[in-house]
Structure formats: structure tokens, C-alpha cells
């Protein structure tokens, strides 16, 4: 399993051309590629902005969801998010929508640990996000589903380990499947809240939450997987001081989602850093 190849090569000339044609007042700012993800390339634009450009067709719907819903959600959140400041469309050599968004200084939580204050800020942010979603909120085919509707992570884990899945992880998954289902009222979720989508300031504070292409109505347990995918056990108390108690069936479902995400990341053979994050998640779930 690996990072999907780009379907369109997004280079500096292409990005400058799009800016020049659609937002000419920004076209001469310094431009630097800073991140190439599964779905989008991110170019820093000057000191305060970034350009988010889909690299494959799958990402088109995701960036349209960000453009539609982040301006709605951002005012209610106590942490910065990349609500678009400009919106771009297809150009002469490019067929898809794209966005100009704020630039957030810092490093991802994969490279810099959140402080206790940062962990509490993350709890505050998710508490504010996890309110009942709009009637026309999107449903994500991978995140807005019950755990029982997802592929069994134990089978993938056995393939990774070349042996039977560790017993603590087997128990984790069985408890998650047996837990009471999520309430029927869907709540807003980020849907992809792993360490690379949290920006951490130099002092360990939470600077921003990015990459909202999977935003949807769903079960808050999806996002609460951060208790194992991102946070060390010693930070759980600080997180819950901001979020509120995470216990009972909600806790069991959150652990189940963390197991799913841990297995997905651990299998990324051509992304060693992501694979290491996945293995770390699986270790935390056994502690």
C-alpha cells in the first residue's frame, strides 16, 4: 500500500499561471512547494498564504467540501482552520478547482509534540466542532459509517505482523464492535484528524487544524481516535479537560477507529514516517 501517484504534475509554472489568470494581485508573490500529500499539493504563497491544488481527480470533491463548509464552521471553532480566502477554478492547463488559504506557521504534530495546553486546545476545538451537523451536511463513505461496515483491521494487521494479531488489539476491536452504536443524531467531524493535520507552534500550542476534505456528519469517535494516533497517554487528561469525558461506548468506538487508522498508516510502505506513526498508534492501544 502506498501514496497514490499524481494524475497531474503540479509545478510552479502551473500554479503561477492559475494565479496570474484568476488572482493576478497574488501572482508575483514568492511561491514554494511545501507539502505533497495523497490528494493535494500545497504551495506557500508569500508570508501569509498557501495554494492548495488537487493532484488527482479523487481530491476534487474534497476541496469543494472545504470551500463549501469551512467558511460555515470556522467562526464557531476556537482554533484557526484553512477556510479559503480565494477560490480558483479550472485553467487552460488545469481542469479542477483549487484554493488560496491562510498559511499557518509551525510544524505538524508528527514532528513536534503538543504541550498539555495544546492538548487541551485540541479538546476545546473538538468540543466546539462535535455539534449536530446541518441537514445537508455531507456523508463520507469511509468516515460516516459504523465500524462494523469497515474492513476488519485484524486481517490487515495479521498480514503486517505475519502472525496472529496481538491479543490486546483483538480485544480492542471486539469491544469496539460490541459497543453501543453512535447516537442517530450525526455530528460534525473532521474525519482525518491524524498527526500530520495538526499544526503545532514552537511552544507546543495548537496553531491550526488543516486538511478538512473529509469533513462530514458522523460519529465523534472518529475524531477522538486522536487520543492514540496523536497524544501520549499523559496528555489524555489535558485533552478531556477541554473536551469532556470520553468513556463507555464512545471510548470503545474511538479505540476501534484508532486501530483502523493505525493499521492503515502502518501499511504505508513507501512512507516510512507515516508507517512509524501507525506502529506507534498500535503500540499505544496495547498499553
Protein backbone atom coordinates (compact mmCIF):
# COMPACT_ATOMS: atom_id res chain seq x y z
CA UNK A 1 0.00 0.00 0.00
CA UNK A 2 1.43 3.36 -0.95
CA UNK A 3 0.73 7.00 -1.73
CA UNK A 4 -1.30 7.30 -4.95
CA UNK A 5 0.60 8.75 -7.91
CA UNK A 6 -0.26 12.25 -9.09
CA UNK A 7 -2.56 12.37 -12.10
CA UNK A 8 -1.43 15.90 -12.96
CA UNK A 9 2.07 17.24 -12.35
CA UNK A 10 1.56 20.45 -10.39
CA UNK A 11 4.65 22.61 -10.87
CA UNK A 12 5.47 26.25 -10.21
CA UNK A 13 4.62 27.36 -13.74
CA UNK A 14 1.16 25.81 -13.49
CA UNK A 15 0.40 27.38 -10.12
CA UNK A 16 1.68 30.82 -11.19
CA UNK A 17 -0.34 30.58 -14.37
CA UNK A 18 -3.52 29.88 -12.41
CA UNK A 19 -2.82 32.80 -10.09
CA UNK A 20 -1.96 35.12 -12.95
CA UNK A 21 -5.19 34.32 -14.79
CA UNK A 22 -7.57 34.31 -11.82
CA UNK A 23 -5.94 36.26 -8.96
CA UNK A 24 -3.31 38.45 -10.62
CA UNK A 25 -2.71 40.53 -7.50
CA UNK A 26 -1.16 37.41 -5.90
CA UNK A 27 0.75 36.09 -8.90
CA UNK A 28 4.11 37.72 -8.18
CA UNK A 29 4.41 36.67 -4.53
CA UNK A 30 7.16 34.14 -3.67
CA UNK A 31 5.97 30.59 -4.29
CA UNK A 32 7.42 27.42 -2.76
CA UNK A 33 6.23 23.81 -2.69
CA UNK A 34 6.00 22.79 0.98
CA UNK A 35 3.91 19.61 1.00
CA UNK A 36 2.74 16.91 -1.36
CA UNK A 37 0.02 14.77 0.16
CA UNK A 38 -2.14 11.92 -1.04
CA UNK A 39 -4.61 14.25 -2.70
CA UNK A 40 -3.25 17.82 -2.85
CA UNK A 41 -0.03 19.74 -3.26
CA UNK A 42 0.45 22.76 -1.00
CA UNK A 43 2.48 25.76 -2.12
CA UNK A 44 3.40 28.55 0.26
CA UNK A 45 2.49 31.91 -1.26
CA UNK A 46 4.28 34.88 0.22
CA UNK A 47 4.36 35.10 4.01
CA UNK A 48 0.70 34.66 4.87
CA UNK A 49 -0.95 32.44 2.25
CA UNK A 50 -0.80 28.99 0.69
CA UNK A 51 -2.21 27.49 -2.52
CA UNK A 52 -3.93 24.11 -2.21
CA UNK A 53 -4.07 22.31 -5.56
CA UNK A 54 -5.55 18.82 -6.18
CA UNK A 55 -3.08 16.37 -7.71
CA UNK A 56 -5.66 13.72 -8.64
CA UNK A 57 -9.36 13.65 -9.55
CA UNK A 58 -10.36 11.97 -6.28
CA UNK A 59 -9.44 15.18 -4.44
CA UNK A 60 -11.80 17.44 -6.39
CA UNK A 61 -14.83 16.64 -4.24
CA UNK A 62 -12.71 17.02 -1.10
CA UNK A 63 -11.54 20.52 -1.95
CA UNK A 64 -15.08 21.50 -2.93
CA UNK A 65 -16.23 20.35 0.52
CA UNK A 66 -13.59 22.55 2.14
CA UNK A 67 -14.71 25.50 0.03
CA UNK A 68 -18.37 24.91 0.92
CA UNK A 69 -18.18 24.09 4.62
CA UNK A 70 -15.07 25.65 6.20
CA UNK A 71 -16.47 29.20 5.95
CA UNK A 72 -19.52 27.88 7.83
CA UNK A 73 -17.61 26.02 10.53
CA UNK A 74 -14.63 28.33 11.08
CA UNK A 75 -16.43 31.09 13.04
CA UNK A 76 -17.52 28.61 15.73
CA UNK A 77 -14.11 26.99 16.22
CA UNK A 78 -11.57 28.25 18.78
CA UNK A 79 -8.59 27.29 16.60
CA UNK A 80 -7.61 28.54 13.13
CA UNK A 81 -8.61 26.43 10.12
CA UNK A 82 -7.82 26.97 6.41
CA UNK A 83 -11.10 28.49 5.28
CA UNK A 84 -10.36 29.69 1.71
CA UNK A 85 -9.60 33.37 1.25
CA UNK A 86 -9.75 32.96 -2.55
CA UNK A 87 -11.29 30.24 -4.72
CA UNK A 88 -9.87 29.15 -8.07
CA UNK A 89 -11.34 27.18 -10.94
CA UNK A 90 -10.07 25.29 -13.98
CA UNK A 91 -7.49 26.98 -16.17
CA UNK A 92 -6.06 26.43 -19.62
CA UNK A 93 -3.80 23.60 -18.46
CA UNK A 94 -5.62 22.52 -15.32
CA UNK A 95 -9.14 21.02 -15.04
CA UNK A 96 -10.06 21.27 -11.34
CA UNK A 97 -10.94 23.74 -8.54
CA UNK A 98 -8.24 24.95 -6.14
CA UNK A 99 -7.97 27.31 -3.17
CA UNK A 100 -5.85 30.04 -1.66
CA UNK A 101 -5.87 29.56 2.12
CA UNK A 102 -4.10 31.07 5.15
CA UNK A 103 -0.58 29.90 5.91
CA UNK A 104 -0.06 28.62 9.46
CA UNK A 105 3.42 28.75 10.93
CA UNK A 106 4.59 25.74 12.90
CA UNK A 107 5.29 22.05 12.43
CA UNK A 108 2.94 19.13 12.30
CA UNK A 109 2.21 17.04 15.38
CA UNK A 110 4.16 14.28 13.66
CA UNK A 111 7.29 16.39 14.11
CA UNK A 112 6.52 18.39 17.25
CA UNK A 113 4.70 17.26 20.40
CA UNK A 114 1.67 19.11 21.66
CA UNK A 115 2.05 20.59 25.14
CA UNK A 116 -0.62 20.00 27.80
CA UNK A 117 -2.07 23.38 26.84
CA UNK A 118 -2.04 22.31 23.18
CA UNK A 119 -3.78 19.05 24.05
CA UNK A 120 -6.47 20.96 25.95
CA UNK A 121 -6.87 23.34 23.00
CA UNK A 122 -7.42 20.30 20.76
CA UNK A 123 -10.10 19.09 23.17
CA UNK A 124 -11.70 22.54 23.15
CA UNK A 125 -11.69 22.56 19.34
CA UNK A 126 -13.32 19.14 19.02
CA UNK A 127 -15.88 20.00 21.67
CA UNK A 128 -16.86 23.03 19.58
CA UNK A 129 -16.86 21.01 16.34
CA UNK A 130 -18.87 18.00 17.53
CA UNK A 131 -22.28 19.66 17.44
CA UNK A 132 -25.22 18.33 15.41
CA UNK A 133 -24.41 18.66 11.73
CA UNK A 134 -26.51 20.51 9.20
CA UNK A 135 -29.34 18.67 7.48
CA UNK A 136 -27.43 18.90 4.19
CA UNK A 137 -24.05 18.01 5.68
CA UNK A 138 -22.00 15.62 3.53
CA UNK A 139 -21.72 11.94 4.37
CA UNK A 140 -18.28 10.43 3.91
CA UNK A 141 -18.26 6.86 2.53
CA UNK A 142 -15.27 5.94 4.72
CA UNK A 143 -15.83 8.01 7.88
CA UNK A 144 -19.62 8.37 8.21
CA UNK A 145 -20.09 4.63 8.60
CA UNK A 146 -20.27 2.32 11.57
CA UNK A 147 -17.14 0.39 12.48
CA UNK A 148 -18.88 -2.84 11.51
CA UNK A 149 -19.11 -1.52 7.96
CA UNK A 150 -15.35 -1.08 7.64
CA UNK A 151 -12.85 -3.76 6.60
CA UNK A 152 -11.67 -5.87 9.53
CA UNK A 153 -8.35 -4.31 10.61
CA UNK A 154 -7.26 -7.54 12.30
CA UNK A 155 -6.89 -9.27 8.94
CA UNK A 156 -4.64 -6.47 7.68
CA UNK A 157 -2.78 -6.47 10.98
CA UNK A 158 -2.06 -10.19 10.69
CA UNK A 159 -0.62 -9.59 7.24
CA UNK A 160 1.55 -6.78 8.61
CA UNK A 161 2.79 -8.85 11.54
CA UNK A 162 2.99 -12.11 9.58
CA UNK A 163 1.31 -13.72 12.58
CA UNK A 164 -1.87 -13.61 14.62
CA UNK A 165 -2.92 -10.12 15.67
CA UNK A 166 -1.77 -9.22 19.21
CA UNK A 167 -4.40 -10.13 21.77
CA UNK A 168 -4.82 -6.60 23.20
CA UNK A 169 -5.67 -5.33 19.71
CA UNK A 170 -8.06 -8.22 19.11
CA UNK A 171 -9.84 -7.33 22.36
CA UNK A 172 -9.85 -3.65 21.36
CA UNK A 173 -11.61 -4.40 18.08
CA UNK A 174 -14.14 -6.80 19.61
CA UNK A 175 -15.04 -4.26 22.31
CA UNK A 176 -15.46 -1.57 19.64
CA UNK A 177 -17.81 -3.75 17.61
CA UNK A 178 -19.79 -4.68 20.72
CA UNK A 179 -20.09 -1.10 21.94
CA UNK A 180 -23.40 0.70 21.79
CA UNK A 181 -23.77 2.35 18.37
CA UNK A 182 -23.35 6.07 17.88
CA UNK A 183 -26.45 8.19 18.53
CA UNK A 184 -28.64 8.67 15.48
CA UNK A 185 -28.00 12.43 15.54
CA UNK A 186 -24.96 12.95 13.35
CA UNK A 187 -22.36 15.47 14.49
CA UNK A 188 -19.76 17.39 12.53
CA UNK A 189 -16.44 15.53 12.32
CA UNK A 190 -13.12 16.42 10.74
CA UNK A 191 -12.75 12.83 9.61
CA UNK A 192 -8.98 12.72 9.04
CA UNK A 193 -7.52 14.05 12.25
CA UNK A 194 -4.09 12.44 12.26
CA UNK A 195 -0.82 13.99 13.40
CA UNK A 196 0.04 15.50 10.02
CA UNK A 197 -3.16 17.55 10.05
CA UNK A 198 -2.41 19.34 13.32
CA UNK A 199 -0.05 22.33 13.24
CA UNK A 200 1.90 22.85 16.46
CA UNK A 201 3.50 26.15 17.46
CA UNK A 202 7.04 26.43 18.84
CA UNK A 203 5.71 26.44 22.41
CA UNK A 204 3.67 23.26 21.85
CA UNK A 205 0.38 25.09 21.45
CA UNK A 206 -2.16 24.12 18.81
CA UNK A 207 -1.68 26.56 15.92
CA UNK A 208 -4.22 25.16 13.43
CA UNK A 209 -6.18 22.15 12.23
CA UNK A 210 -5.78 21.60 8.50
CA UNK A 211 -6.90 19.29 5.66
CA UNK A 212 -10.70 19.22 6.04
CA UNK A 213 -11.54 17.32 2.85
CA UNK A 214 -13.24 14.51 4.82
CA UNK A 215 -15.47 16.85 6.83
CA UNK A 216 -18.85 15.21 7.29
CA UNK A 217 -21.65 14.30 9.60
CA UNK A 218 -20.70 11.24 11.61
CA UNK A 219 -19.70 9.73 14.93
CA UNK A 220 -17.38 11.91 17.09
CA UNK A 221 -15.49 8.71 17.92
CA UNK A 222 -13.80 9.03 14.51
CA UNK A 223 -12.00 12.20 15.63
CA UNK A 224 -11.49 11.02 19.20
CA UNK A 225 -9.06 8.46 17.80
CA UNK A 226 -6.51 11.28 18.33
CA UNK A 227 -6.18 10.05 21.90
CA UNK A 228 -3.98 7.26 20.45
CA UNK A 229 -3.00 8.42 16.96
CA UNK A 230 -1.60 11.75 18.22
CA UNK A 231 -1.48 12.02 22.02
CA UNK A 232 0.67 10.27 24.55
CA UNK A 233 -1.29 8.79 27.47
CA UNK A 234 -0.05 11.55 29.77
CA UNK A 235 -1.93 14.13 27.69
CA UNK A 236 -5.33 12.44 27.80
CA UNK A 237 -6.33 14.30 30.96
CA UNK A 238 -5.49 17.67 29.43
CA UNK A 239 -7.46 16.80 26.29
CA UNK A 240 -10.51 15.72 28.27
CA UNK A 241 -10.32 18.89 30.37
CA UNK A 242 -11.21 20.70 27.16
CA UNK A 243 -13.44 18.10 25.50
CA UNK A 244 -15.24 16.50 28.40
CA UNK A 245 -15.31 12.83 29.46
CA UNK A 246 -14.54 10.19 26.84
CA UNK A 247 -15.80 6.96 28.34
CA UNK A 248 -18.06 3.95 27.90
CA UNK A 249 -19.18 3.07 24.39
CA UNK A 250 -17.75 6.32 22.98
CA UNK A 251 -14.31 5.37 24.32
CA UNK A 252 -14.56 1.85 22.89
CA UNK A 253 -15.58 3.13 19.45
CA UNK A 254 -12.79 5.71 19.50
CA UNK A 255 -10.25 2.98 20.22
CA UNK A 256 -11.69 0.96 17.35
CA UNK A 257 -11.26 3.88 14.94
CA UNK A 258 -7.71 4.42 16.20
CA UNK A 259 -6.99 0.76 15.43
CA UNK A 260 -8.30 1.18 11.88
CA UNK A 261 -6.19 4.28 11.30
CA UNK A 262 -3.11 2.73 12.91
CA UNK A 263 -3.27 -0.26 10.57
CA UNK A 264 -3.78 1.97 7.51
CA UNK A 265 -0.73 4.08 8.35
CA UNK A 266 1.45 1.14 9.34
CA UNK A 267 0.90 -0.36 5.89
CA UNK A 268 2.24 2.69 4.00
CA UNK A 269 5.42 1.00 2.79
CA UNK A 270 6.64 3.94 0.70
CA UNK A 271 6.09 6.48 3.51
CA UNK A 272 8.30 5.36 6.42
CA UNK A 273 7.35 8.31 8.63
CA UNK A 274 3.64 7.58 8.27
CA UNK A 275 4.26 3.88 8.85
CA UNK A 276 6.09 4.75 12.06
CA UNK A 277 3.09 6.81 13.22
CA UNK A 278 0.85 3.84 12.52
CA UNK A 279 3.05 1.48 14.52
CA UNK A 280 3.17 3.98 17.39
CA UNK A 281 -0.63 4.10 17.41
CA UNK A 282 -0.83 0.30 17.61
CA UNK A 283 1.67 0.31 20.49
CA UNK A 284 -0.32 2.91 22.43
CA UNK A 285 -3.51 0.90 22.01
CA UNK A 286 -1.81 -2.05 23.75
CA UNK A 287 -0.64 -0.04 26.77
